[in-house]
Protein backbone atom coordinates (compact mmCIF):
# COMPACT_ATOMS: atom_id res chain seq x y z
CA MET A 1 73.57 -2.09 92.43
CA SER A 2 76.45 -3.75 90.56
CA SER A 3 79.34 -5.35 92.49
CA SER A 4 82.72 -3.75 91.75
CA PRO A 5 85.99 -5.36 91.11
CA TYR A 6 87.55 -3.12 93.63
CA ASP A 7 85.30 -4.45 96.58
CA ASP A 8 88.07 -6.96 97.63
CA ASP A 9 90.88 -4.30 97.40
CA PRO A 10 91.02 -2.18 100.67
CA ARG A 11 93.48 0.03 98.92
CA GLY A 12 90.87 1.48 96.35
CA PRO A 13 91.36 2.06 92.67
CA ASP A 14 93.57 5.32 93.31
CA ALA A 15 96.06 3.80 95.75
CA PRO A 16 99.58 3.24 94.32
CA GLY A 17 99.85 -0.17 92.65
CA ALA A 18 96.18 -0.75 92.34
CA ALA A 19 95.80 -1.84 88.85
CA ALA A 20 92.67 -1.16 86.87
CA PRO A 21 90.45 -4.35 86.46
CA GLN A 22 90.55 -5.75 82.93
CA CYS A 23 88.02 -8.03 81.39
CA PRO A 24 89.44 -11.51 81.12
CA ARG A 25 87.70 -11.93 77.70
CA HIS A 26 89.14 -8.79 76.39
CA PRO A 27 92.66 -8.25 77.55
CA GLY A 28 93.39 -4.53 77.90
CA ARG A 29 89.82 -3.43 78.13
CA VAL A 30 89.17 -1.92 81.59
CA ALA A 31 85.89 -3.19 83.38
CA PHE A 32 84.79 -1.65 86.55
CA VAL A 33 81.77 -4.09 87.03
CA ALA A 34 82.25 -7.45 88.43
CA CYS A 35 80.21 -10.62 87.76
CA VAL A 36 78.07 -11.53 90.77
CA GLY A 37 78.82 -15.17 90.17
CA CYS A 38 82.57 -15.46 89.74
CA ARG A 39 83.60 -11.95 90.79
CA ARG A 40 85.76 -11.47 87.72
CA PRO A 41 85.62 -8.12 85.94
CA THR A 42 83.25 -8.07 83.03
CA CYS A 43 82.82 -5.44 80.32
CA LEU A 44 79.49 -4.47 78.88
CA GLU A 45 79.86 -6.81 75.90
CA CYS A 46 80.59 -9.79 78.27
CA GLN A 47 77.56 -9.09 80.38
CA ALA A 48 74.95 -11.67 79.56
CA GLY A 49 72.22 -9.98 81.75
CA THR A 50 71.48 -9.24 85.43
CA THR A 51 70.05 -11.01 88.31
CA ALA A 52 66.69 -10.23 89.82
CA ASP A 53 68.18 -7.51 92.09
CA GLY A 54 70.13 -5.86 89.26
CA ARG A 55 73.59 -7.29 89.53
CA ALA A 56 75.69 -8.11 86.34
CA VAL A 57 76.17 -11.92 85.20
CA CYS A 58 78.98 -12.64 82.73
CA VAL A 59 78.44 -14.93 79.81
CA ASP A 60 80.39 -17.70 81.38
CA CYS A 61 78.20 -17.93 84.54
CA ALA A 62 75.21 -17.55 82.36
CA ALA A 63 76.30 -20.63 80.42
CA ASP A 64 76.73 -22.50 83.67
CA ILE A 65 73.18 -21.74 84.73
CA ALA A 66 71.86 -22.74 81.23
CA GLN A 67 73.52 -26.09 81.59
CA GLY A 68 72.15 -26.66 84.95
CA ARG A 69 75.42 -26.51 86.84
CA ASP A 70 75.35 -25.28 90.48
CA GLY A 71 76.93 -22.08 92.00
CA GLY A 72 75.39 -19.79 89.43
CA PRO A 73 73.82 -16.56 90.56
CA GLY A 74 70.35 -17.36 89.35
CA PRO A 75 68.35 -16.70 86.12
CA THR A 76 69.64 -13.90 84.09
CA ARG A 77 67.79 -11.37 81.92
CA ARG A 78 68.65 -8.48 79.60
CA PRO A 79 67.99 -5.10 81.42
CA GLY A 80 64.90 -3.45 80.13
CA ALA A 81 63.85 0.23 80.27
CA GLY A 82 62.24 -0.30 83.56
CA GLU A 83 65.40 -1.94 84.98
CA LEU A 84 67.70 0.90 83.52
CA LEU A 85 65.34 3.67 85.28
CA ARG A 86 65.22 1.69 88.48
CA THR A 87 69.11 1.60 88.76
CA THR A 88 69.47 5.29 87.84
CA PRO A 89 71.16 7.13 90.71
CA PRO A 90 68.52 9.45 92.43
CA VAL A 91 70.77 12.51 91.79
CA LEU A 92 70.50 11.84 88.11
CA ALA A 93 66.66 11.48 88.40
CA VAL A 94 66.24 14.68 90.17
CA LEU A 95 68.45 16.51 87.63
CA ILE A 96 66.93 15.12 84.58
CA GLY A 97 63.25 15.39 86.06
CA LEU A 98 63.86 19.16 86.97
CA ASN A 99 65.07 19.94 83.45
CA VAL A 100 61.93 17.96 82.05
CA VAL A 101 59.60 19.63 84.35
CA LEU A 102 61.10 23.20 83.57
CA TYR A 103 60.89 22.52 79.79
CA ALA A 104 57.14 21.66 80.25
CA GLY A 105 56.88 25.02 82.10
CA GLN A 106 58.66 26.80 79.21
CA TRP A 107 55.70 25.51 76.87
CA LEU A 108 52.80 25.91 79.31
CA LEU A 109 53.38 28.94 81.45
CA PRO A 110 53.29 31.47 78.45
CA PHE A 111 49.45 30.68 78.29
CA ALA A 112 49.27 32.16 81.80
CA GLY A 113 51.38 35.26 80.82
CA VAL A 114 54.65 33.89 82.38
CA ASP A 115 57.63 33.62 79.98
CA LEU A 116 59.93 31.25 82.02
CA THR A 117 62.56 30.96 79.38
CA SER A 118 63.25 34.74 79.51
CA LEU A 119 63.08 34.71 83.20
CA GLY A 120 66.02 32.28 83.50
CA TRP A 121 68.24 32.61 80.40
CA TYR A 122 71.52 34.31 80.72
CA ALA A 123 73.53 36.87 78.79
CA GLY A 124 76.52 38.83 79.79
CA LEU A 125 74.33 41.77 80.33
CA HIS A 126 72.77 40.00 83.30
CA THR A 127 76.03 40.29 85.14
CA SER A 128 77.19 43.93 84.35
CA HIS A 129 77.01 47.34 85.54
CA VAL A 130 73.76 47.78 83.98
CA LEU A 131 72.01 44.62 85.35
CA PHE A 132 73.16 42.22 88.05
CA GLU A 133 71.07 39.05 88.25
CA PRO A 134 73.90 36.39 88.72
CA TRP A 135 71.63 33.51 89.59
CA ARG A 136 70.86 33.35 85.90
CA MET A 137 74.38 31.85 85.41
CA LEU A 138 72.88 28.56 86.98
CA THR A 139 69.20 28.87 86.02
CA SER A 140 70.06 28.98 82.36
CA GLY A 141 71.72 25.67 82.60
CA PHE A 142 68.32 24.10 83.50
CA LEU A 143 66.24 25.58 80.59
CA HIS A 144 66.19 24.53 76.85
CA LEU A 145 65.03 25.86 73.55
CA PRO A 146 61.24 25.41 73.59
CA ALA A 147 61.12 25.19 69.89
CA ASN A 148 63.70 22.34 69.77
CA PRO A 149 62.87 19.34 71.83
CA LEU A 150 65.95 17.53 70.40
CA HIS A 151 68.06 20.14 72.42
CA LEU A 152 66.70 18.87 75.62
CA LEU A 153 66.58 15.13 74.59
CA LEU A 154 70.32 15.09 73.65
CA ASN A 155 71.40 16.83 76.83
CA MET A 156 69.45 14.58 79.09
CA ALA A 157 70.66 11.37 77.24
CA ALA A 158 74.33 12.61 77.72
CA LEU A 159 73.71 13.52 81.32
CA TRP A 160 72.17 10.02 82.05
CA MET A 161 74.98 8.18 80.26
CA LEU A 162 77.84 10.12 81.71
CA GLY A 163 76.35 10.64 85.04
CA ARG A 164 75.80 6.99 85.75
CA GLU A 165 79.46 6.37 85.49
CA LEU A 166 80.51 9.39 87.34
CA VAL A 167 78.29 9.07 90.22
CA ARG A 168 79.70 5.59 90.78
CA MET A 169 83.29 6.76 90.56
CA LEU A 170 82.78 10.14 92.48
CA GLY A 171 79.72 9.67 94.71
CA THR A 172 76.58 11.88 94.69
CA PRO A 173 77.95 14.90 96.61
CA ARG A 174 81.01 15.36 94.30
CA PHE A 175 79.09 14.62 91.27
CA LEU A 176 76.44 17.18 92.17
CA ALA A 177 79.09 19.80 92.77
CA LEU A 178 80.78 19.03 89.57
CA TYR A 179 77.61 19.48 87.63
CA LEU A 180 76.61 22.75 89.16
CA LEU A 181 79.98 24.37 88.96
CA CYS A 182 80.47 23.27 85.28
CA ALA A 183 77.00 24.91 84.54
CA VAL A 184 78.23 28.15 86.07
CA GLY A 185 81.57 27.73 84.32
CA GLY A 186 79.82 27.65 80.96
CA SER A 187 78.12 30.96 81.87
CA VAL A 188 81.33 32.44 82.78
CA ALA A 189 82.73 31.79 79.39
CA VAL A 190 79.54 33.22 77.81
CA LEU A 191 80.13 36.29 79.88
CA TRP A 192 83.77 36.85 78.53
CA PHE A 193 83.48 35.69 75.00
CA SER A 194 79.88 36.08 73.83
CA ASP A 195 77.80 39.16 72.78
CA PRO A 196 76.35 40.44 75.99
CA PHE A 197 72.88 41.03 74.44
CA VAL A 198 72.62 37.41 73.17
CA PRO A 199 70.93 35.06 75.86
CA VAL A 200 71.84 31.38 76.07
CA VAL A 201 70.03 28.29 77.66
CA GLY A 202 70.89 24.71 77.92
CA ALA A 203 72.60 21.93 80.08
CA SER A 204 75.40 21.65 77.57
CA GLY A 205 78.01 23.59 79.49
CA ALA A 206 77.43 21.12 82.57
CA VAL A 207 77.50 18.02 80.23
CA TYR A 208 80.65 19.01 78.60
CA GLY A 209 82.22 19.36 82.10
CA LEU A 210 81.03 15.94 82.77
CA PHE A 211 82.75 14.79 79.59
CA ALA A 212 86.12 16.24 80.80
CA ALA A 213 85.70 14.76 84.15
CA LEU A 214 84.92 11.23 83.04
CA LEU A 215 87.80 11.40 80.44
CA PHE A 216 90.42 12.38 83.11
CA THR A 217 89.10 10.19 85.83
CA ALA A 218 88.73 7.00 83.73
CA ARG A 219 92.28 7.77 82.13
CA ARG A 220 93.71 7.99 85.72
CA ARG A 221 92.28 4.57 86.48
CA GLY A 222 93.83 3.08 83.27
CA ALA A 223 90.64 2.80 81.16
CA ASP A 224 90.85 3.01 77.39
CA VAL A 225 89.25 6.39 76.78
CA ARG A 226 89.93 6.72 73.01
CA SER A 227 86.19 6.27 72.22
CA LEU A 228 85.09 8.78 74.73
CA ALA A 229 87.82 11.26 73.35
CA VAL A 230 86.49 10.70 69.81
CA VAL A 231 83.00 11.50 70.81
CA LEU A 232 84.04 14.58 72.61
CA ALA A 233 86.14 15.80 69.65
CA LEU A 234 83.15 15.35 67.34
CA ASN A 235 80.83 17.24 69.63
CA LEU A 236 83.36 20.14 69.78
CA VAL A 237 83.56 20.27 66.10
CA ALA A 238 79.80 20.33 65.91
CA SER A 239 79.84 23.23 68.67
CA PHE A 240 81.85 25.49 66.10
CA ALA A 241 80.17 24.21 62.84
CA ILE A 242 76.50 24.45 63.65
CA PRO A 243 75.05 27.95 63.76
CA ASP A 244 73.26 29.23 67.02
CA ILE A 245 75.19 26.97 69.31
CA SER A 246 77.14 28.52 72.13
CA TRP A 247 80.58 27.17 71.73
CA GLN A 248 81.49 29.50 74.59
CA GLY A 249 79.38 27.83 77.04
CA HIS A 250 80.65 24.52 75.89
CA LEU A 251 84.24 25.45 76.35
CA GLY A 252 83.56 26.97 79.61
CA GLY A 253 81.94 23.76 81.00
CA LEU A 254 84.60 21.70 79.56
CA ALA A 255 87.52 23.80 81.16
CA THR A 256 85.78 23.60 84.61
CA GLY A 257 85.28 19.94 84.53
CA ALA A 258 88.86 19.45 83.57
CA ALA A 259 90.06 21.71 86.40
CA LEU A 260 87.88 20.00 88.92
CA ALA A 261 88.67 16.32 88.06
CA PRO A 262 92.09 16.04 89.83
CA ALA A 263 90.66 17.07 93.15
CA LEU A 264 87.21 15.24 92.90
CA ARG A 265 88.90 11.94 92.10
CA SER A 266 91.14 12.27 95.14
CA ARG A 267 90.36 9.73 98.06
CA SER A 268 90.72 12.65 100.54
CA ARG A 269 87.60 14.65 101.30
CA GLY A 270 89.62 17.63 102.26
CA VAL A 271 91.42 17.70 98.96
CA ALA A 272 87.93 17.40 97.01
CA VAL A 273 86.48 20.16 99.11
CA ALA A 274 89.34 22.42 98.82
CA GLY A 275 89.26 21.92 94.83
CA MET A 276 85.58 22.62 94.81
CA LEU A 277 85.95 25.76 96.82
CA ALA A 278 88.92 27.06 94.91
CA THR A 279 87.07 26.35 91.65
CA ALA A 280 84.07 28.32 92.85
CA ALA A 281 86.30 31.24 94.03
CA ALA A 282 87.93 31.36 90.55
CA LEU A 283 84.53 31.41 88.88
CA ALA A 284 83.24 34.24 91.30
CA LEU A 285 86.52 36.30 90.55
CA LEU A 286 86.06 35.72 86.76
CA THR A 287 82.53 36.77 87.05
CA TRP A 288 83.44 40.04 89.06
CA LEU A 289 86.20 40.97 86.50
CA GLY A 290 83.93 40.15 83.48
CA ALA A 291 81.27 42.30 84.98
CA ASP A 292 83.71 45.17 85.46
CA ARG A 293 84.37 45.12 81.85
CA LEU A 294 80.64 45.73 80.90
CA THR A 295 80.38 49.35 81.84
CA PRO A 296 77.31 51.28 80.54
CA ALA A 297 79.80 53.11 78.19
CA ALA A 298 81.28 49.81 76.93
CA ILE A 299 77.79 48.20 76.34
CA LEU A 300 76.43 51.26 74.50
CA GLY A 301 79.65 51.84 72.57
C-alpha cells in the first residue's frame, strides 16, 4: 500500500487549513501519494518505481540508490501488470470479477436454454403497473452487450481507474454504496426518460457516478481536475452522439454521484450514512412516482 502525504497530519485532508499536498517538482500539481524514502508528495510522473512491498519511490530517492548513497528505500522497479493486480482493492476485484463472470454467462448459458441477458436487463416496463421487477434496476448494471466485448472492456477499465482513487479517498463501504446507488440512479433516469419497452444493460450509469464523485471530491481537496472534467465532457458528448447508447442512464448515474459526493467525503460517519439513506429514499420515491405514470392505459396508448 502506498503511503499518504496526510499520514503525519492528524487533522486529515478535509480539516480546515489542511492544504492539499503538492508535488515539489511540479508546483500546483496535487499528489496524494508520498515517497517511502523522503516522505514528500510525488505525482505519477515523478514516481520512479516501487519498492518490493509496492510503495512509491520518487526519482530523487531512486537516484540516491543508483549512486550508492545510504538512506534509500531499496531497489525500485516499474510496476508491472502483476503488481497492479496485486494492489487492486478487493472491492474492485470483486466488482470487476462479477461483471466478467456474468458476461461469460451471457455467452454460455443460452446454450443451456437460459438467456441471462433478458433475465437481468431493465426497461421502464419492469417497474410499472403492468410488471414490477425492481431488482432489474440493479442487475442490469452488471450485464453488458454480449455482441460487443468493448462495452464490457471500457466500463471495467474506467471502473478500475476511477475506483482505485475513490476507494483510497472514501474507503470500501462508502465506495460500494456509491457504486450501487449510482447504478440504481441510472435506471431511475431510464424509467423517467426512456421508452419503457427498450431494455438497457451496462455498468455505465455506475461509472458515470464515479466520475462525478471523483471530480467533486478531488476538487474539494484542491486537485487540478481539468483533465478529468475534459474526459467526462467527451464521454457525455459521445453518449448523445453515438446511436444506441442510453444517455439517460449515464446522466442518472452522474446526477446520483454528484448528489452523494458531499456526504461521502465527510469525515463524519453519521453524515455519510445520512446522505446514503437520503439518496436511497429519493431514488425509491422517484421509482414509485415513475411507476405510477406507467399505467396499462398509458403504456398501450
